[in-house]
Each structure stands twice: as C-alpha cells, then as structure tokens.
Amino acid sequence: MTRETAILIALIAFLGGLLVVGILAKRRTNDSDGFYLGGRTLGPWVAALAANASSSSAWSIVGASGFAYLFGMPALWLIPGCVGGFVLNWFVIAPRLRDQTGTAITLTEFLAGPVGSKGRRKIIVFGALLTLASLLTYVAAQMQAAGLAFAHAFPTTFGDDASVGIVIGALVTVLYTLVGGYLAASLTDTLQGLLMAAVAIVLPVAAIWQAGGVSEFADQVAAVDQEHWHSLTGKHGGAAGMAFAFGLIGIGLGYPGQPHAVNKFMGMSPNASMTVARTVGVSWAVILYTGMIVVGWAARANWQLPIGDHEQCIYEASKNLLPTVVDGVVVASVLAAIMSTVDSQLLVCASSVTHDLGVGRNNPQGMLKVARVTVLMIGLGALVAALMLPKDVFGNVMFAWAALGSAFGPLLLVRLCFGTVAPNWAFASMVVGGSTAVLAFYVNKTGFTGIPAGFLDRVASWALAFAIAFVGTRRNNR
C-alpha cells in the first residue's frame, strides 16, 4: 500500500465518521439553545476534550512543532504558557462560569449582564463584531493548515498547491457543523482530542526510539548547529530576552478570552464532575505541548526542510518515523485538530449574529435557520481569506488569539472573581484590550519598538484591560 493510499483511506474513514456524527446529532438539535450549547448536557470527559481541542487548534500541532523546529530551547516557554492557560481555565474560569452562566447563550451576552442592564447593548454589539472579525481570521488560518496537510499528504495529486486542500477541509467542516450544531461539534471534538493526544505520544516516542534512547536523543538535539538555538531566550538578551519569554508565557493569558473554548464550560451539565474534567484537561495539555516540542526538535536534528516550510515538520517526522498506515492516521489527526477548532468557531460566529446582534430573534425556528446560514457565510468568507492571507498559521492564529484574549479574558476573569463591572468600565476594558492587542501586533511587525513579538499584544494589552476592569468593579460597588 502506498503512503497516499493509506492516508486517503484513513482520511475518508475519519471524515465519514464526522458526517455521521453530525447527522445523528441533528436529531437532538431542535432549537437554538441545542444548536449552540447542546442543551447544557456535556459530561466531564466530553467537556474537557472538546474545550481543549477547540482552543488547541492547528497551531498546537503544526505551529508549536514548527516553532520548536525554528527556535529550539525557547520553545520550552510554550509549556508553562499553554499549560498555564489550561490551568487558569479549568481551575478558575470553568467552575465559576458554569455556575454563573444563567440563561446566557454566548460569552458576550454573559459579560454584558442581565437583560435591562445599563450599557448592555453596546457591549454586546462591540463583542459580537470583534468576535466575527477575529474568528474569520482564525478560521482562515485553520483552513490554511488543512491545505498544507493535503498538499503534503498527496504531493502527486496537489503538488505544492494548497488551494484544493483548503477547499476540501472547509467544505467538510462547514457541512457537519451546519447539520449538527454544538452537540456534533462537541462529540467530534472529543474524538479529535483523543487523536491529537495519541499523535503527541506516538511521534515523540518514535523519535526517541529511533535515536536510541533519551540521552542519545538529547545528544542529537544538542548537536544542532544554529546560532541562539540553545538559549532559553534565543537571540534576545537582557530585557528583550525577558520580554520574549513573557510573550510566550503570555499565550496562557489568552485562554479565558477564547469564546469557542469557554462556551464548553457554559454547556457542561450541572452534575458533571469538575475534578474529572480538570484532570483530563490539564493532563491532555501537558502531553500535547511537550510532545509537539519534542517532534519539532527531532525534525530539526534529523531532517532539513526548505526555508519557510518549518510548519510541515510534523509531516516530515511522521513520514520518516512511522509505518505507512500509521502515518496516514497522523495526517488525519492533524486535520482533526484543525476541524475541532473550526466547528466551534463557526458556531460562535453564528451565535454572535443571532443572539448578540439579534438577527431572526423573534422567531426561534427562524433563528436556527439564520444560524445555519451564518455558518455557511462565515465558512465561505474564511475560505476566501485563507486563499488570500500569507501562509503563516502560527502568526495568523496569534493575531486573533491576542485580540480575543485581551478583549474578553480580563473582563471575564474580573467578572467571575471580583463581581460585576460598571458598564462603561466593562466596555472600556473590551475596547482597550482588543484594539491595543491588534495595534501592538502590527507595530511588532515593523520592528519599531525593538520589543520581541508577543509581549505587547499578548501581555501588556491584557494587563491594561484587566486593570480597567478591576477598577470598574470598585466603581460599580460605590
């Protein structure tokens, strides 16, 4: 059996399974609450794996391994950053959000407060528009990753052109999300989360086995001849080095602000064990990010990729380390990581249009139709963006991640832990956090500040928004 045939069989089986789940879930999706939150019936395992898989998109496999391939030791900062984000979500955000959600369907609706609250409308409208703009870019990045996966898996069919793969991945994901809604997304995310964890175990173990053991693998990595590859701060020193490290750790601050992930907490059953969900969620994160860093190091130590192709190192490792059939499953699993984020993001966009912006609100069945049309339109818009944006999965995701993380995360954390925030201060926190993150992202690209990317857009903007929201709690209680 050829490699392409093995990958095709695994892919058809996987994608067929997704569509079956979507069709079965449709039978239990009769209204907008079911379409968006699955009737709030998620158990701990499904909630944990679905939330994790939703927040750990293609960048967690393709991007994280590619980052480790490029930078070496500094990639270790991704572990406290990303795992710390999961700890923050599962130990602080999840239990409080599940208990305080009430009748809210969306994160923005929860942050805006009960119906009739002063200033509620402007918070909802701004949050919805920011969500749509950010997630459009985020979804486009996932589709780009799908295109790269298809191009690598079927080189004789697609060559170097990722466009066909982008279209195929987009159509399948939009179709099963369109049919099944939240429940379909959550169930398939659970399967996808398990597949992602399996890849993060199998590939690193294979790399270490091929090297002859842990010490031999460490020697291979140490022998990589690249300037600054063995420093924890890369090419940066002094204050710039600290900013670089904090920028990577700051990825964790963005987790509470990702609406497509935290809405899994809103959909948890009141009786679901939070202890089980936390254990599954945090353990999964440790396995995934540690494994992807090892894969990136192994690829750099053993195979040189063309400049700009560092985000394909996981495919190179899989092709060289695993039997053909298993390699096919790995490629399917990468596509799983992509789709597990896209489906949840499409649903969040749909809920932003119907519940937050109020399109079709007066007709419950009409809202469901509007939601499905929104999924289709956002999917098509993201497809166009994926074909036009620069092919940089990690960078495109971090843009949307920073904007959402700084706009929603600080306000949510303050709202859950310290009390209601005065409306004007809540609105200011969202606007300042989101706009500062976007501005800092583009300023970083110019190199004008001399500060490494990540600190201003992921840390400074978040801290500023948090300070505004925190002051807002004091103002609200006067």
Foldseek 3Di string as FASTA:
>chain_A
DDLLVLLVVLQCVLLVVLQVLLQVLLVQDDFLLCQQQVQLADFLLLLLLLLQLQVCFLCLFLVLLLVLLPQPQLSVLLQLQALVLLCCCLVFPLVLCQVQVPPDRFLQQVLLDDPPDPLSQVSLLVVLVLLLVLLLLLLLLLLLLQLCLVCLSCCVVQNRDSLVSSVVLLVSLLVSSLRNHPSSLSVLSSVLLVLLLVLLPVLLVLLQVVLPHDVSLVVLLVPQDDQQNPDNQRPDDDPLSVLSSVLSSLLSLLSQLDGLNSSSSNSHHPPHDSVSNSVVNSVSSNSSSVSSSSQSSSLSSPPDDPPPCSSCSSLVSLVPRHPSNVSSSNSSSSSSSSSSNLSSSLQNSLCSVCVSVPVVVVPRVSSSVSSSVSSVVSSVSSSVVSVPDDNDSNLSNVLSSLLSSQQSSLSSSCCSPPHRFRSVLNSVLNVQLNVQLNVLSVVQVVCVVVRHPRNRSRPVSNVVSNVSRNVRSVVVVD
